PDB file of N, CA and C in Angstrom:
ATOM      1  N   UNK A   1       7.641   2.110  10.028  1.00  0.00           N
ATOM      2  CA  UNK A   1       8.101   3.042   9.020  1.00  0.00           C
ATOM      3  C   UNK A   1       7.133   4.230   9.040  1.00  0.00           C
ATOM      4  N   UNK A   2       7.634   5.405   8.772  1.00  0.00           N
ATOM      5  CA  UNK A   2       6.798   6.604   8.814  1.00  0.00           C
ATOM      6  C   UNK A   2       5.870   6.672   7.601  1.00  0.00           C
ATOM      7  N   UNK A   3       4.825   7.478   7.724  1.00  0.00           N
ATOM      8  CA  UNK A   3       3.873   7.655   6.623  1.00  0.00           C
ATOM      9  C   UNK A   3       4.561   8.146   5.358  1.00  0.00           C
ATOM     10  N   UNK A   4       5.472   9.102   5.500  1.00  0.00           N
ATOM     11  CA  UNK A   4       6.142   9.652   4.312  1.00  0.00           C
ATOM     12  C   UNK A   4       7.019   8.595   3.623  1.00  0.00           C
ATOM     13  N   UNK A   5       7.623   7.713   4.388  1.00  0.00           N
ATOM     14  CA  UNK A   5       8.438   6.654   3.780  1.00  0.00           C
ATOM     15  C   UNK A   5       7.564   5.643   3.041  1.00  0.00           C
ATOM     16  N   UNK A   6       6.398   5.315   3.603  1.00  0.00           N
ATOM     17  CA  UNK A   6       5.476   4.426   2.899  1.00  0.00           C
ATOM     18  C   UNK A   6       5.027   5.066   1.587  1.00  0.00           C
ATOM     19  N   UNK A   7       4.680   6.365   1.634  1.00  0.00           N
ATOM     20  CA  UNK A   7       4.251   7.057   0.405  1.00  0.00           C
ATOM     21  C   UNK A   7       5.357   7.059  -0.635  1.00  0.00           C
ATOM     22  N   UNK A   8       6.591   7.305  -0.210  1.00  0.00           N
ATOM     23  CA  UNK A   8       7.719   7.290  -1.153  1.00  0.00           C
ATOM     24  C   UNK A   8       7.897   5.911  -1.766  1.00  0.00           C
ATOM     25  N   UNK A   9       7.815   4.863  -0.949  1.00  0.00           N
ATOM     26  CA  UNK A   9       7.953   3.498  -1.451  1.00  0.00           C
ATOM     27  C   UNK A   9       6.862   3.181  -2.471  1.00  0.00           C
ATOM     28  N   UNK A  10       5.606   3.447  -2.121  1.00  0.00           N
ATOM     29  CA  UNK A  10       4.514   3.144  -3.045  1.00  0.00           C
ATOM     30  C   UNK A  10       4.591   3.980  -4.315  1.00  0.00           C
ATOM     31  N   UNK A  11       5.092   5.206  -4.221  1.00  0.00           N
ATOM     32  CA  UNK A  11       5.261   6.041  -5.406  1.00  0.00           C
ATOM     33  C   UNK A  11       6.309   5.444  -6.341  1.00  0.00           C
ATOM     34  N   UNK A  12       7.392   4.947  -5.786  1.00  0.00           N
ATOM     35  CA  UNK A  12       8.430   4.296  -6.599  1.00  0.00           C
ATOM     36  C   UNK A  12       7.884   3.014  -7.235  1.00  0.00           C
ATOM     37  N   UNK A  13       7.141   2.233  -6.464  1.00  0.00           N
ATOM     38  CA  UNK A  13       6.589   0.982  -6.993  1.00  0.00           C
ATOM     39  C   UNK A  13       5.566   1.217  -8.094  1.00  0.00           C
ATOM     40  N   UNK A  14       5.016   2.413  -8.178  1.00  0.00           N
ATOM     41  CA  UNK A  14       4.000   2.742  -9.181  1.00  0.00           C
ATOM     42  C   UNK A  14       4.604   3.085 -10.553  1.00  0.00           C
ATOM     43  N   UNK A  15       5.913   3.110 -10.658  1.00  0.00           N
ATOM     44  CA  UNK A  15       6.542   3.441 -11.941  1.00  0.00           C
ATOM     45  C   UNK A  15       6.247   2.345 -12.961  1.00  0.00           C
ATOM     46  N   UNK A  16       5.736   2.714 -14.143  1.00  0.00           N
ATOM     47  CA  UNK A  16       5.322   1.724 -15.147  1.00  0.00           C
ATOM     48  C   UNK A  16       6.448   0.795 -15.600  1.00  0.00           C
ATOM     49  N   UNK A  17       7.662   1.289 -15.669  1.00  0.00           N
ATOM     50  CA  UNK A  17       8.769   0.461 -16.146  1.00  0.00           C
ATOM     51  C   UNK A  17       9.100  -0.690 -15.195  1.00  0.00           C
ATOM     52  N   UNK A  18       8.671  -0.603 -13.939  1.00  0.00           N
ATOM     53  CA  UNK A  18       8.908  -1.684 -12.981  1.00  0.00           C
ATOM     54  C   UNK A  18       7.901  -2.822 -13.138  1.00  0.00           C
ATOM     55  N   UNK A  19       6.734  -2.501 -13.653  1.00  0.00           N
ATOM     56  CA  UNK A  19       5.683  -3.491 -13.896  1.00  0.00           C
ATOM     57  C   UNK A  19       5.335  -4.299 -12.642  1.00  0.00           C
ATOM     58  N   UNK A  20       5.257  -3.625 -11.507  1.00  0.00           N
ATOM     59  CA  UNK A  20       4.849  -4.264 -10.248  1.00  0.00           C
ATOM     60  C   UNK A  20       3.353  -4.018 -10.088  1.00  0.00           C
ATOM     61  N   UNK A  21       2.588  -5.068 -10.111  1.00  0.00           N
ATOM     62  CA  UNK A  21       1.137  -4.918 -10.065  1.00  0.00           C
ATOM     63  C   UNK A  21       0.500  -5.609  -8.865  1.00  0.00           C
ATOM     64  N   UNK A  22       1.281  -6.390  -8.137  1.00  0.00           N
ATOM     65  CA  UNK A  22       0.721  -7.153  -7.034  1.00  0.00           C
ATOM     66  C   UNK A  22       1.725  -7.258  -5.887  1.00  0.00           C
ATOM     67  N   UNK A  23       1.189  -7.352  -4.683  1.00  0.00           N
ATOM     68  CA  UNK A  23       2.036  -7.510  -3.500  1.00  0.00           C
ATOM     69  C   UNK A  23       1.318  -8.412  -2.506  1.00  0.00           C
ATOM     70  N   UNK A  24       2.063  -8.909  -1.557  1.00  0.00           N
ATOM     71  CA  UNK A  24       1.473  -9.653  -0.447  1.00  0.00           C
ATOM     72  C   UNK A  24       1.427  -8.700   0.738  1.00  0.00           C
ATOM     73  N   UNK A  25       0.227  -8.459   1.225  1.00  0.00           N
ATOM     74  CA  UNK A  25       0.009  -7.511   2.299  1.00  0.00           C
ATOM     75  C   UNK A  25      -0.165  -8.246   3.620  1.00  0.00           C
ATOM     76  N   UNK A  26       0.432  -7.679   4.670  1.00  0.00           N
ATOM     77  CA  UNK A  26       0.238  -8.196   6.013  1.00  0.00           C
ATOM     78  C   UNK A  26       0.039  -6.994   6.932  1.00  0.00           C
ATOM     79  N   UNK A  27      -0.961  -7.083   7.779  1.00  0.00           N
ATOM     80  CA  UNK A  27      -1.300  -5.979   8.673  1.00  0.00           C
ATOM     81  C   UNK A  27      -1.106  -6.403  10.120  1.00  0.00           C
ATOM     82  N   UNK A  28      -0.777  -5.448  10.970  1.00  0.00           N
ATOM     83  CA  UNK A  28      -0.457  -5.763  12.363  1.00  0.00           C
ATOM     84  C   UNK A  28      -1.652  -6.298  13.140  1.00  0.00           C
ATOM     85  N   UNK A  29      -2.862  -5.992  12.705  1.00  0.00           N
ATOM     86  CA  UNK A  29      -4.047  -6.450  13.430  1.00  0.00           C
ATOM     87  C   UNK A  29      -4.640  -7.741  12.860  1.00  0.00           C
ATOM     88  N   UNK A  30      -3.882  -8.426  11.995  1.00  0.00           N
ATOM     89  CA  UNK A  30      -4.370  -9.663  11.392  1.00  0.00           C
ATOM     90  C   UNK A  30      -3.197 -10.603  11.134  1.00  0.00           C
ATOM     91  N   UNK A  31      -3.433 -11.883  11.299  1.00  0.00           N
ATOM     92  CA  UNK A  31      -2.395 -12.867  11.006  1.00  0.00           C
ATOM     93  C   UNK A  31      -2.474 -13.345   9.561  1.00  0.00           C
ATOM     94  N   UNK A  32      -3.500 -12.914   8.864  1.00  0.00           N
ATOM     95  CA  UNK A  32      -3.747 -13.342   7.498  1.00  0.00           C
ATOM     96  C   UNK A  32      -2.988 -12.454   6.504  1.00  0.00           C
ATOM     97  N   UNK A  33      -2.399 -13.083   5.501  1.00  0.00           N
ATOM     98  CA  UNK A  33      -1.755 -12.338   4.423  1.00  0.00           C
ATOM     99  C   UNK A  33      -2.735 -12.200   3.270  1.00  0.00           C
ATOM    100  N   UNK A  34      -2.717 -11.042   2.615  1.00  0.00           N
ATOM    101  CA  UNK A  34      -3.589 -10.770   1.479  1.00  0.00           C
ATOM    102  C   UNK A  34      -2.736 -10.545   0.240  1.00  0.00           C
ATOM    103  N   UNK A  35      -3.063 -11.230  -0.851  1.00  0.00           N
ATOM    104  CA  UNK A  35      -2.407 -10.969  -2.132  1.00  0.00           C
ATOM    105  C   UNK A  35      -3.319  -9.993  -2.876  1.00  0.00           C
ATOM    106  N   UNK A  36      -2.765  -8.834  -3.213  1.00  0.00           N
ATOM    107  CA  UNK A  36      -3.595  -7.789  -3.805  1.00  0.00           C
ATOM    108  C   UNK A  36      -2.727  -6.857  -4.648  1.00  0.00           C
ATOM    109  N   UNK A  37      -3.372  -6.039  -5.421  1.00  0.00           N
ATOM    110  CA  UNK A  37      -2.653  -5.077  -6.258  1.00  0.00           C
ATOM    111  C   UNK A  37      -1.947  -4.027  -5.393  1.00  0.00           C
ATOM    112  N   UNK A  38      -1.005  -3.345  -5.990  1.00  0.00           N
ATOM    113  CA  UNK A  38      -0.302  -2.258  -5.297  1.00  0.00           C
ATOM    114  C   UNK A  38      -1.041  -0.945  -5.566  1.00  0.00           C
ATOM    115  N   UNK A  39      -0.993  -0.015  -4.623  1.00  0.00           N
ATOM    116  CA  UNK A  39      -1.703   1.254  -4.825  1.00  0.00           C
ATOM    117  C   UNK A  39      -1.013   2.127  -5.863  1.00  0.00           C
ATOM    118  N   UNK A  40      -1.802   2.913  -6.545  1.00  0.00           N
ATOM    119  CA  UNK A  40      -1.282   3.912  -7.482  1.00  0.00           C
ATOM    120  C   UNK A  40      -0.965   5.181  -6.697  1.00  0.00           C
ATOM    121  N   UNK A  41      -0.125   6.020  -7.271  1.00  0.00           N
ATOM    122  CA  UNK A  41       0.294   7.251  -6.587  1.00  0.00           C
ATOM    123  C   UNK A  41      -0.883   8.120  -6.168  1.00  0.00           C
ATOM    124  N   UNK A  42      -1.916   8.173  -6.986  1.00  0.00           N
ATOM    125  CA  UNK A  42      -3.062   9.022  -6.631  1.00  0.00           C
ATOM    126  C   UNK A  42      -3.963   8.404  -5.563  1.00  0.00           C
ATOM    127  N   UNK A  43      -3.662   7.174  -5.114  1.00  0.00           N
ATOM    128  CA  UNK A  43      -4.375   6.552  -3.996  1.00  0.00           C
ATOM    129  C   UNK A  43      -3.740   6.884  -2.654  1.00  0.00           C
ATOM    130  N   UNK A  44      -2.609   7.562  -2.674  1.00  0.00           N
ATOM    131  CA  UNK A  44      -1.849   7.818  -1.449  1.00  0.00           C
ATOM    132  C   UNK A  44      -2.254   9.146  -0.830  1.00  0.00           C
ATOM    133  N   UNK A  45      -2.728   9.077   0.404  1.00  0.00           N
ATOM    134  CA  UNK A  45      -3.116  10.262   1.157  1.00  0.00           C
ATOM    135  C   UNK A  45      -2.112  10.414   2.290  1.00  0.00           C
ATOM    136  N   UNK A  46      -2.107  11.544   2.953  1.00  0.00           N
ATOM    137  CA  UNK A  46      -1.078  11.825   3.957  1.00  0.00           C
ATOM    138  C   UNK A  46      -0.929  10.732   5.015  1.00  0.00           C
ATOM    139  N   UNK A  47      -2.038  10.232   5.564  1.00  0.00           N
ATOM    140  CA  UNK A  47      -1.946   9.272   6.665  1.00  0.00           C
ATOM    141  C   UNK A  47      -2.486   7.890   6.329  1.00  0.00           C
ATOM    142  N   UNK A  48      -2.975   7.705   5.109  1.00  0.00           N
ATOM    143  CA  UNK A  48      -3.533   6.400   4.758  1.00  0.00           C
ATOM    144  C   UNK A  48      -3.519   6.175   3.252  1.00  0.00           C
ATOM    145  N   UNK A  49      -3.790   4.932   2.874  1.00  0.00           N
ATOM    146  CA  UNK A  49      -3.957   4.567   1.473  1.00  0.00           C
ATOM    147  C   UNK A  49      -5.456   4.548   1.220  1.00  0.00           C
ATOM    148  N   UNK A  50      -5.879   5.265   0.197  1.00  0.00           N
ATOM    149  CA  UNK A  50      -7.303   5.352  -0.107  1.00  0.00           C
ATOM    150  C   UNK A  50      -7.840   4.006  -0.586  1.00  0.00           C
ATOM    151  N   UNK A  51      -9.113   3.912  -0.771  1.00  0.00           N
ATOM    152  CA  UNK A  51      -9.790   2.673  -1.178  1.00  0.00           C
ATOM    153  C   UNK A  51      -9.415   2.318  -2.612  1.00  0.00           C
ATOM    154  N   UNK A  52      -8.436   1.431  -2.786  1.00  0.00           N
ATOM    155  CA  UNK A  52      -7.943   1.099  -4.119  1.00  0.00           C
ATOM    156  C   UNK A  52      -8.179  -0.354  -4.498  1.00  0.00           C
ATOM    157  N   UNK A  53      -8.675  -1.159  -3.583  1.00  0.00           N
ATOM    158  CA  UNK A  53      -8.791  -2.587  -3.861  1.00  0.00           C
ATOM    159  C   UNK A  53      -9.758  -3.248  -2.888  1.00  0.00           C
ATOM    160  N   UNK A  54      -9.718  -4.558  -2.874  1.00  0.00           N
ATOM    161  CA  UNK A  54     -10.540  -5.319  -1.926  1.00  0.00           C
ATOM    162  C   UNK A  54     -10.106  -5.107  -0.486  1.00  0.00           C
ATOM    163  N   UNK A  55      -8.861  -4.700  -0.286  1.00  0.00           N
ATOM    164  CA  UNK A  55      -8.349  -4.470   1.066  1.00  0.00           C
ATOM    165  C   UNK A  55      -9.035  -3.256   1.688  1.00  0.00           C
ATOM    166  N   UNK A  56      -9.405  -2.276   0.888  1.00  0.00           N
ATOM    167  CA  UNK A  56     -10.076  -1.072   1.370  1.00  0.00           C
ATOM    168  C   UNK A  56      -9.096  -0.039   1.894  1.00  0.00           C
ATOM    169  N   UNK A  57      -9.587   1.113   2.324  1.00  0.00           N
ATOM    170  CA  UNK A  57      -8.681   2.131   2.860  1.00  0.00           C
ATOM    171  C   UNK A  57      -8.065   1.664   4.177  1.00  0.00           C
ATOM    172  N   UNK A  58      -6.803   2.032   4.386  1.00  0.00           N
ATOM    173  CA  UNK A  58      -6.130   1.662   5.632  1.00  0.00           C
ATOM    174  C   UNK A  58      -5.005   2.641   5.915  1.00  0.00           C
ATOM    175  N   UNK A  59      -4.714   2.819   7.195  1.00  0.00           N
ATOM    176  CA  UNK A  59      -3.628   3.697   7.631  1.00  0.00           C
ATOM    177  C   UNK A  59      -2.296   2.997   7.412  1.00  0.00           C
ATOM    178  N   UNK A  60      -1.285   3.762   7.048  1.00  0.00           N
ATOM    179  CA  UNK A  60       0.052   3.209   6.862  1.00  0.00           C
ATOM    180  C   UNK A  60       0.543   2.480   8.112  1.00  0.00           C
ATOM    181  N   UNK A  61       0.170   2.980   9.282  1.00  0.00           N
ATOM    182  CA  UNK A  61       0.679   2.407  10.535  1.00  0.00           C
ATOM    183  C   UNK A  61       0.240   0.971  10.758  1.00  0.00           C
ATOM    184  N   UNK A  62      -0.746   0.484  10.000  1.00  0.00           N
ATOM    185  CA  UNK A  62      -1.201  -0.900  10.164  1.00  0.00           C
ATOM    186  C   UNK A  62      -0.483  -1.882   9.249  1.00  0.00           C
ATOM    187  N   UNK A  63       0.381  -1.384   8.361  1.00  0.00           N
ATOM    188  CA  UNK A  63       1.139  -2.274   7.475  1.00  0.00           C
ATOM    189  C   UNK A  63       2.300  -2.859   8.257  1.00  0.00           C
ATOM    190  N   UNK A  64       2.446  -4.166   8.141  1.00  0.00           N
ATOM    191  CA  UNK A  64       3.551  -4.811   8.853  1.00  0.00           C
ATOM    192  C   UNK A  64       4.735  -4.952   7.924  1.00  0.00           C
TER     193      UNK A  64
END
C-alpha cells in the first residue's frame, strides 16, 4: 500500500468516535506480531510513522 494510503487509514482510525486504541502490528522484516497502540494523526510523516510507542519510528513500507 502506498504511503498516502497508510496515512489516510491511520488518520481515519484516529477519530475519537471510533475508539480504536490498539492494533496488532506485523512488519515484513519480522515474523513476530506486536500488539500496540495506533498512531495519532500528528505522528504521521510523509514516509514514516514517527516515534509514538514501543515499536518506534518506522517506514510505512515495512508494514505488512
